[in-house]
Amino acid sequence: MNRNEIIGLFEKYVMPTYGRYPLAFVRGKGARVWDADGKEYLDFGGGIAVNVLGHSHPAITEALAKQSQVLIHTSN
C-alpha cells in the first residue's frame, strides 16, 4: 500500500480530532520506523497516551499477544 492509499484510509475511518503529518508508517523495529516510501525515522514520540515499548521485539510482541486475550486497553 502506498502513502496516499494509507492516508486515504485514515481520512475515511478516523475522526479528525487532531492534525497529523502526511506520514504513513508501515513497519518498525526497536526505536526506528519506516514509511511507505522506505524512509527511516527514529521514533521519538511513540504516540499519545501509549507505552513506548519499541517495535517488533519478540518478547514484547509475545507478551502483548498474551495480554490481548485478557484485556487490551482501559482508559484513565
C-alpha atoms as a PDB file:
ATOM      1  CA  MET A   1       0.000   0.000   0.000  1.00  0.00           C
ATOM      2  CA  ASN A   2       1.414   3.421  -0.863  1.00  0.00           C
ATOM      3  CA  ARG A   3       1.395   6.577   1.269  1.00  0.00           C
ATOM      4  CA  ASN A   4      -1.649   8.121  -0.424  1.00  0.00           C
ATOM      5  CA  GLU A   5      -3.717   4.941  -0.020  1.00  0.00           C
ATOM      6  CA  ILE A   6      -2.851   4.722   3.681  1.00  0.00           C
ATOM      7  CA  ILE A   7      -3.641   8.402   4.288  1.00  0.00           C
ATOM      8  CA  GLY A   8      -6.904   7.983   2.369  1.00  0.00           C
ATOM      9  CA  LEU A   9      -7.945   5.115   4.644  1.00  0.00           C
ATOM     10  CA  PHE A  10      -7.056   7.192   7.684  1.00  0.00           C
ATOM     11  CA  GLU A  11      -9.162  10.093   6.436  1.00  0.00           C
ATOM     12  CA  LYS A  12     -12.064   7.739   5.703  1.00  0.00           C
ATOM     13  CA  TYR A  13     -12.111   5.822   9.002  1.00  0.00           C
ATOM     14  CA  VAL A  14     -10.577   8.055  11.718  1.00  0.00           C
ATOM     15  CA  MET A  15     -12.362  11.062  13.190  1.00  0.00           C
ATOM     16  CA  PRO A  16     -10.445  14.278  12.501  1.00  0.00           C
ATOM     17  CA  THR A  17      -9.983  15.162  16.174  1.00  0.00           C
ATOM     18  CA  TYR A  18      -6.336  16.182  15.731  1.00  0.00           C
ATOM     19  CA  GLY A  19      -3.968  17.227  12.980  1.00  0.00           C
ATOM     20  CA  ARG A  20      -1.378  14.897  11.577  1.00  0.00           C
ATOM     21  CA  TYR A  21       1.675  14.970   9.363  1.00  0.00           C
ATOM     22  CA  PRO A  22       1.377  13.343   5.915  1.00  0.00           C
ATOM     23  CA  LEU A  23       3.336  10.264   7.003  1.00  0.00           C
ATOM     24  CA  ALA A  24       2.344   6.630   6.569  1.00  0.00           C
ATOM     25  CA  PHE A  25       4.417   4.261   8.692  1.00  0.00           C
ATOM     26  CA  VAL A  26       4.385   0.653   7.522  1.00  0.00           C
ATOM     27  CA  ARG A  27       6.822  -1.111   9.875  1.00  0.00           C
ATOM     28  CA  GLY A  28       9.013  -0.650  12.899  1.00  0.00           C
ATOM     29  CA  LYS A  29      11.897  -2.292  14.731  1.00  0.00           C
ATOM     30  CA  GLY A  30      13.281  -1.107  18.039  1.00  0.00           C
ATOM     31  CA  ALA A  31      13.237   2.700  18.078  1.00  0.00           C
ATOM     32  CA  ARG A  32      13.063   3.000  14.278  1.00  0.00           C
ATOM     33  CA  VAL A  33      10.081   3.161  11.932  1.00  0.00           C
ATOM     34  CA  TRP A  34       9.851   3.187   8.130  1.00  0.00           C
ATOM     35  CA  ASP A  35       7.297   4.932   5.969  1.00  0.00           C
ATOM     36  CA  ALA A  36       5.604   3.670   2.811  1.00  0.00           C
ATOM     37  CA  ASP A  37       8.314   5.355   0.719  1.00  0.00           C
ATOM     38  CA  GLY A  38      11.098   3.466   2.535  1.00  0.00           C
ATOM     39  CA  LYS A  39      12.372   6.464   4.539  1.00  0.00           C
ATOM     40  CA  GLU A  40      13.701   5.577   8.012  1.00  0.00           C
ATOM     41  CA  TYR A  41      12.895   7.615  11.146  1.00  0.00           C
ATOM     42  CA  LEU A  42      13.829   7.494  14.826  1.00  0.00           C
ATOM     43  CA  ASP A  43      10.598   7.143  16.808  1.00  0.00           C
ATOM     44  CA  PHE A  44      10.983   9.799  19.494  1.00  0.00           C
ATOM     45  CA  GLY A  45       7.247  10.274  20.043  1.00  0.00           C
ATOM     46  CA  GLY A  46       5.770   6.827  20.362  1.00  0.00           C
ATOM     47  CA  GLY A  47       2.225   8.205  20.284  1.00  0.00           C
ATOM     48  CA  ILE A  48      -0.266   9.802  22.622  1.00  0.00           C
ATOM     49  CA  ALA A  49      -1.156   8.019  25.890  1.00  0.00           C
ATOM     50  CA  VAL A  50       0.747   4.866  24.981  1.00  0.00           C
ATOM     51  CA  ASN A  51       3.512   2.708  26.363  1.00  0.00           C
ATOM     52  CA  VAL A  52       6.706   3.332  24.435  1.00  0.00           C
ATOM     53  CA  LEU A  53       7.862  -0.262  24.070  1.00  0.00           C
ATOM     54  CA  GLY A  54       9.648  -0.090  20.731  1.00  0.00           C
ATOM     55  CA  HIS A  55       8.687  -2.104  17.681  1.00  0.00           C
ATOM     56  CA  SER A  56       8.799  -5.809  16.822  1.00  0.00           C
ATOM     57  CA  HIS A  57      10.779  -7.082  19.811  1.00  0.00           C
ATOM     58  CA  PRO A  58       9.918 -10.823  20.141  1.00  0.00           C
ATOM     59  CA  ALA A  59       9.456 -10.813  23.938  1.00  0.00           C
ATOM     60  CA  ILE A  60       7.218  -7.746  23.795  1.00  0.00           C
ATOM     61  CA  THR A  61       5.082  -8.998  20.914  1.00  0.00           C
ATOM     62  CA  GLU A  62       4.612 -12.329  22.709  1.00  0.00           C
ATOM     63  CA  ALA A  63       3.565 -10.578  25.932  1.00  0.00           C
ATOM     64  CA  LEU A  64       1.207  -8.254  24.045  1.00  0.00           C
ATOM     65  CA  ALA A  65      -0.408 -11.161  22.203  1.00  0.00           C
ATOM     66  CA  LYS A  66      -0.949 -12.983  25.503  1.00  0.00           C
ATOM     67  CA  GLN A  67      -2.353  -9.887  27.234  1.00  0.00           C
ATOM     68  CA  SER A  68      -4.645  -9.069  24.296  1.00  0.00           C
ATOM     69  CA  GLN A  69      -6.560 -12.247  25.067  1.00  0.00           C
ATOM     70  CA  VAL A  70      -7.271 -10.932  28.583  1.00  0.00           C
ATOM     71  CA  LEU A  71      -7.648  -7.131  28.394  1.00  0.00           C
ATOM     72  CA  ILE A  72      -6.302  -4.766  25.750  1.00  0.00           C
ATOM     73  CA  HIS A  73      -6.929  -1.236  26.993  1.00  0.00           C
ATOM     74  CA  THR A  74      -8.588   0.645  29.786  1.00  0.00           C
ATOM     75  CA  SER A  75      -8.799   4.413  29.835  1.00  0.00           C
ATOM     76  CA  ASN A  76      -7.842   6.646  32.716  1.00  0.00           C
END
